[in-house]
Amino acid sequence: MAQIGTMTTGAGVVTSLNLPYCPQYLVIDEMQQATLDLTNLDISINGQSTISLIGADDIDAVAQIKSHSSDGSSNVMCALELANGEINAPTLIRLTNEGANTNAIYGVSSRVGTAPYRISQFTINATSNQIFQDFDYLLINSSPTNIDSIEIQWLNGFKDRYAPQELPLLFRNMYASEVDAQYSATGDIAWVNNEDGLIANATIYTNATGSSTVTVGRI
């Protein structure tokens, strides 16, 4: 693992890294802690935006996908997956500091990459719905507080509607086994996994309590 930079101190301060390559994983020094000092993350490869994330909890949830603890511990180092391997192309990484810490920034790869991860966010207003398709995963925040239900259409033709509390059971082989199984430090982000590509689409319905931001990841 190589250090590729250091976050500049100060809340709201942006650190920009210009690299000749895009690492497979991005790690911030304190990603094993309960609080993440990263409120915005933007990645551009060859001048094209690939990742745009707002919110420490949502960024934390993306990082936890490959390293989610099953015992409620905050001592597992998390890594943001930027690509399926190291990509040899000019890359701009912009990180916005949420706190006053000067965290080290690391980039690590295990193979040559062929494609970046594309991660974006969509907001669903209260008492509304939105359909998502062609995704590797969905991270649904404010769950279950602001979520009424999630309808999943499988490629085999089966369709069902689930309460948000059921998602850890539906994907129990991937979720943690503890009460705080959902993602982020606050445990209010639900995960729909589609890495096997068997889900055709998912429709998320919000209730009257408030809106929900959905993070969509695809390779």
Protein backbone atom coordinates (compact mmCIF):
# COMPACT_ATOMS: atom_id res chain seq x y z
CA MET A 1 0.00 0.00 0.00
CA ALA A 2 1.45 3.34 -1.02
CA GLN A 3 0.62 6.70 0.52
CA ILE A 4 -0.57 8.98 -2.27
CA GLY A 5 -1.39 12.10 -0.25
CA THR A 6 -2.63 13.70 2.96
CA MET A 7 -5.97 15.39 3.59
CA THR A 8 -5.62 19.11 4.21
CA THR A 9 -6.90 20.14 7.63
CA GLY A 10 -10.11 22.07 8.10
CA ALA A 11 -13.82 21.37 7.76
CA GLY A 12 -14.95 21.82 4.16
CA VAL A 13 -11.39 21.98 2.81
CA VAL A 14 -10.83 20.10 -0.46
CA THR A 15 -7.71 18.03 -1.15
CA SER A 16 -7.00 17.38 -4.85
CA LEU A 17 -4.70 14.59 -6.02
CA ASN A 18 -3.57 14.36 -9.64
CA LEU A 19 -2.24 10.88 -10.36
CA PRO A 20 -0.98 9.20 -13.56
CA TYR A 21 -3.07 6.14 -12.64
CA CYS A 22 -6.22 5.16 -10.75
CA PRO A 23 -5.62 2.74 -7.87
CA GLN A 24 -8.00 -0.17 -7.36
CA TYR A 25 -8.74 0.83 -3.75
CA LEU A 26 -8.66 4.10 -1.86
CA VAL A 27 -8.07 4.06 1.90
CA ILE A 28 -8.26 6.99 4.30
CA ASP A 29 -6.09 6.66 7.41
CA GLU A 30 -8.98 6.54 9.88
CA MET A 31 -11.38 4.33 7.91
CA GLN A 32 -11.32 1.83 10.77
CA GLN A 33 -12.84 4.40 13.14
CA ALA A 34 -16.50 4.99 13.96
CA THR A 35 -16.45 8.49 12.41
CA LEU A 36 -15.20 9.15 8.89
CA ASP A 37 -13.68 12.57 8.15
CA LEU A 38 -14.72 12.54 4.50
CA THR A 39 -17.88 14.33 3.46
CA ASN A 40 -17.43 14.51 -0.35
CA LEU A 41 -15.56 12.29 -2.80
CA ASP A 42 -15.16 12.84 -6.54
CA ILE A 43 -13.11 10.70 -8.95
CA SER A 44 -12.42 11.53 -12.60
CA ILE A 45 -10.49 9.26 -14.95
CA ASN A 46 -9.31 10.66 -18.29
CA GLY A 47 -11.45 13.72 -17.59
CA GLN A 48 -14.66 11.71 -17.13
CA SER A 49 -16.44 11.58 -13.77
CA THR A 50 -16.74 8.03 -12.44
CA ILE A 51 -17.57 8.53 -8.75
CA SER A 52 -19.47 11.36 -7.08
CA LEU A 53 -20.47 10.88 -3.44
CA ILE A 54 -21.81 13.29 -0.82
CA GLY A 55 -22.17 12.43 2.86
CA ALA A 56 -19.80 10.72 5.26
CA ASP A 57 -22.27 7.95 6.11
CA ASP A 58 -22.92 7.12 2.45
CA ILE A 59 -19.19 7.10 1.64
CA ASP A 60 -18.60 4.94 4.71
CA ALA A 61 -21.27 2.48 3.52
CA VAL A 62 -19.64 2.14 0.07
CA ALA A 63 -16.33 1.36 1.76
CA GLN A 64 -17.93 -1.23 4.04
CA ILE A 65 -19.26 -3.36 1.17
CA LYS A 66 -16.05 -5.42 0.96
CA SER A 67 -15.17 -5.27 4.67
CA HIS A 68 -18.37 -5.09 6.72
CA SER A 69 -17.88 -6.31 10.29
CA SER A 70 -20.18 -9.01 11.66
CA ASP A 71 -19.63 -8.15 15.32
CA GLY A 72 -20.50 -4.45 15.43
CA SER A 73 -16.80 -3.58 15.62
CA SER A 74 -15.39 -0.38 14.17
CA ASN A 75 -11.88 -1.81 13.97
CA VAL A 76 -12.07 -3.23 10.45
CA MET A 77 -10.11 -1.22 7.88
CA CYS A 78 -12.42 -0.24 5.00
CA ALA A 79 -11.43 0.55 1.42
CA LEU A 80 -13.32 2.33 -1.34
CA GLU A 81 -13.18 0.26 -4.54
CA LEU A 82 -12.52 2.65 -7.43
CA ALA A 83 -11.95 0.12 -10.23
CA ASN A 84 -11.56 -3.62 -10.88
CA GLY A 85 -7.79 -3.10 -10.83
CA GLU A 86 -5.21 -0.35 -11.36
CA ILE A 87 -6.06 1.71 -14.45
CA ASN A 88 -3.22 3.40 -16.31
CA ALA A 89 -4.89 6.75 -17.02
CA PRO A 90 -4.71 10.31 -15.62
CA THR A 91 -6.88 10.45 -12.50
CA LEU A 92 -8.15 13.34 -10.37
CA ILE A 93 -9.22 12.52 -6.82
CA ARG A 94 -10.99 15.25 -4.82
CA LEU A 95 -11.68 14.69 -1.11
CA THR A 96 -13.52 17.12 1.17
CA ASN A 97 -12.52 17.06 4.82
CA GLU A 98 -15.38 16.96 7.33
CA GLY A 99 -13.15 17.56 10.33
CA ALA A 100 -9.80 19.02 11.27
CA ASN A 101 -7.69 15.87 10.94
CA THR A 102 -4.85 15.42 8.48
CA ASN A 103 -5.53 11.84 7.48
CA ALA A 104 -3.11 9.96 5.26
CA ILE A 105 -4.49 8.78 1.89
CA TYR A 106 -3.44 5.44 0.46
CA GLY A 107 -3.88 3.77 -2.93
CA VAL A 108 -3.52 0.01 -3.30
CA SER A 109 -4.03 -2.41 -6.19
CA SER A 110 -3.76 -6.14 -6.70
CA ARG A 111 -4.04 -6.38 -10.49
CA VAL A 112 -4.32 -4.47 -13.75
CA GLY A 113 -7.78 -2.97 -14.22
CA THR A 114 -10.03 -2.79 -17.24
CA ALA A 115 -12.98 -0.72 -15.96
CA PRO A 116 -13.72 1.85 -13.24
CA TYR A 117 -16.58 1.58 -10.79
CA ARG A 118 -19.25 4.16 -11.53
CA ILE A 119 -20.96 5.34 -8.36
CA SER A 120 -23.63 8.03 -8.23
CA GLN A 121 -26.46 9.16 -5.97
CA PHE A 122 -30.15 9.84 -6.49
CA THR A 123 -32.64 11.40 -4.08
CA ILE A 124 -36.18 10.02 -3.84
CA ASN A 125 -38.62 12.52 -2.33
CA ALA A 126 -41.08 11.56 0.41
CA THR A 127 -44.13 9.53 -0.72
CA SER A 128 -42.49 8.85 -4.06
CA ASN A 129 -40.69 6.01 -5.81
CA GLN A 130 -37.91 5.33 -8.30
CA ILE A 131 -36.90 2.28 -10.28
CA PHE A 132 -33.25 1.21 -10.62
CA GLN A 133 -31.76 -1.29 -13.05
CA ASP A 134 -28.36 -2.35 -14.40
CA PHE A 135 -26.68 -1.99 -11.00
CA ASP A 136 -24.16 -4.03 -9.00
CA TYR A 137 -25.52 -2.71 -5.72
CA LEU A 138 -27.87 -0.18 -4.15
CA LEU A 139 -27.28 1.51 -0.79
CA ILE A 140 -30.54 2.96 0.53
CA ASN A 141 -30.13 5.50 3.32
CA SER A 142 -32.66 6.50 6.01
CA SER A 143 -33.78 2.87 6.14
CA PRO A 144 -36.16 1.81 7.54
CA THR A 145 -37.31 5.22 8.85
CA ASN A 146 -38.09 6.80 5.46
CA ILE A 147 -38.61 3.64 3.40
CA ASP A 148 -42.02 2.07 2.87
CA SER A 149 -40.95 -0.94 0.78
CA ILE A 150 -38.65 -2.23 -1.97
CA GLU A 151 -40.01 -4.20 -4.91
CA ILE A 152 -37.47 -6.49 -6.59
CA GLN A 153 -37.94 -8.02 -10.04
CA TRP A 154 -35.66 -11.00 -10.67
CA LEU A 155 -34.51 -12.09 -14.13
CA ASN A 156 -36.22 -15.44 -13.66
CA GLY A 157 -39.58 -13.66 -13.64
CA PHE A 158 -40.19 -13.72 -9.87
CA LYS A 159 -41.21 -10.43 -8.27
CA ASP A 160 -41.92 -9.57 -4.65
CA ARG A 161 -42.22 -6.54 -2.41
CA TYR A 162 -40.16 -6.38 0.78
CA ALA A 163 -40.26 -4.32 3.94
CA PRO A 164 -36.89 -2.58 4.47
CA GLN A 165 -36.34 -4.64 7.63
CA GLU A 166 -36.32 -7.79 5.48
CA LEU A 167 -33.31 -6.85 3.34
CA PRO A 168 -30.67 -8.18 5.78
CA LEU A 169 -32.58 -11.49 5.71
CA LEU A 170 -32.92 -11.53 1.95
CA PHE A 171 -29.16 -11.06 1.54
CA ARG A 172 -28.19 -12.77 4.81
CA ASN A 173 -25.21 -14.59 3.27
CA MET A 174 -23.62 -11.17 2.60
CA TYR A 175 -24.91 -9.06 5.51
CA ALA A 176 -23.43 -9.01 8.98
CA SER A 177 -25.16 -11.20 11.53
CA GLU A 178 -25.58 -8.66 14.33
CA VAL A 179 -28.45 -6.30 15.13
CA ASP A 180 -26.53 -3.42 13.52
CA ALA A 181 -26.23 -5.38 10.27
CA GLN A 182 -27.02 -2.40 8.07
CA TYR A 183 -24.28 -0.17 6.77
CA SER A 184 -22.50 3.03 7.90
CA ALA A 185 -21.62 3.98 11.45
CA THR A 186 -25.27 4.86 12.13
CA GLY A 187 -26.57 1.53 10.78
CA ASP A 188 -29.38 3.08 8.73
CA ILE A 189 -28.27 2.22 5.19
CA ALA A 190 -29.74 -0.90 3.59
CA TRP A 191 -27.89 -2.84 0.89
CA VAL A 192 -29.29 -4.59 -2.16
CA ASN A 193 -26.60 -6.78 -3.71
CA ASN A 194 -26.70 -7.63 -7.43
CA GLU A 195 -23.11 -8.64 -8.16
CA ASP A 196 -24.40 -11.89 -9.67
CA GLY A 197 -26.62 -9.88 -12.06
CA LEU A 198 -29.78 -11.84 -11.21
CA ILE A 199 -31.89 -8.78 -10.33
CA ALA A 200 -33.56 -7.10 -13.31
CA ASN A 201 -34.69 -4.01 -11.39
CA ALA A 202 -35.64 -2.69 -7.98
CA THR A 203 -38.24 -0.04 -7.16
CA ILE A 204 -37.82 1.90 -3.91
CA TYR A 205 -40.90 3.45 -2.29
CA THR A 206 -40.50 6.15 0.36
CA ASN A 207 -43.07 6.97 3.04
CA ALA A 208 -44.31 10.34 4.30
CA THR A 209 -41.53 10.70 6.88
CA GLY A 210 -38.88 12.01 4.49
CA SER A 211 -36.67 11.51 1.46
CA SER A 212 -33.97 8.91 0.84
CA THR A 213 -30.65 9.13 -0.97
CA VAL A 214 -29.82 6.00 -2.95
CA THR A 215 -26.21 5.26 -3.90
CA VAL A 216 -25.93 3.23 -7.11
CA GLY A 217 -22.76 1.29 -7.94
CA ARG A 218 -22.01 -0.41 -11.23
CA ILE A 219 -18.87 -1.62 -12.98
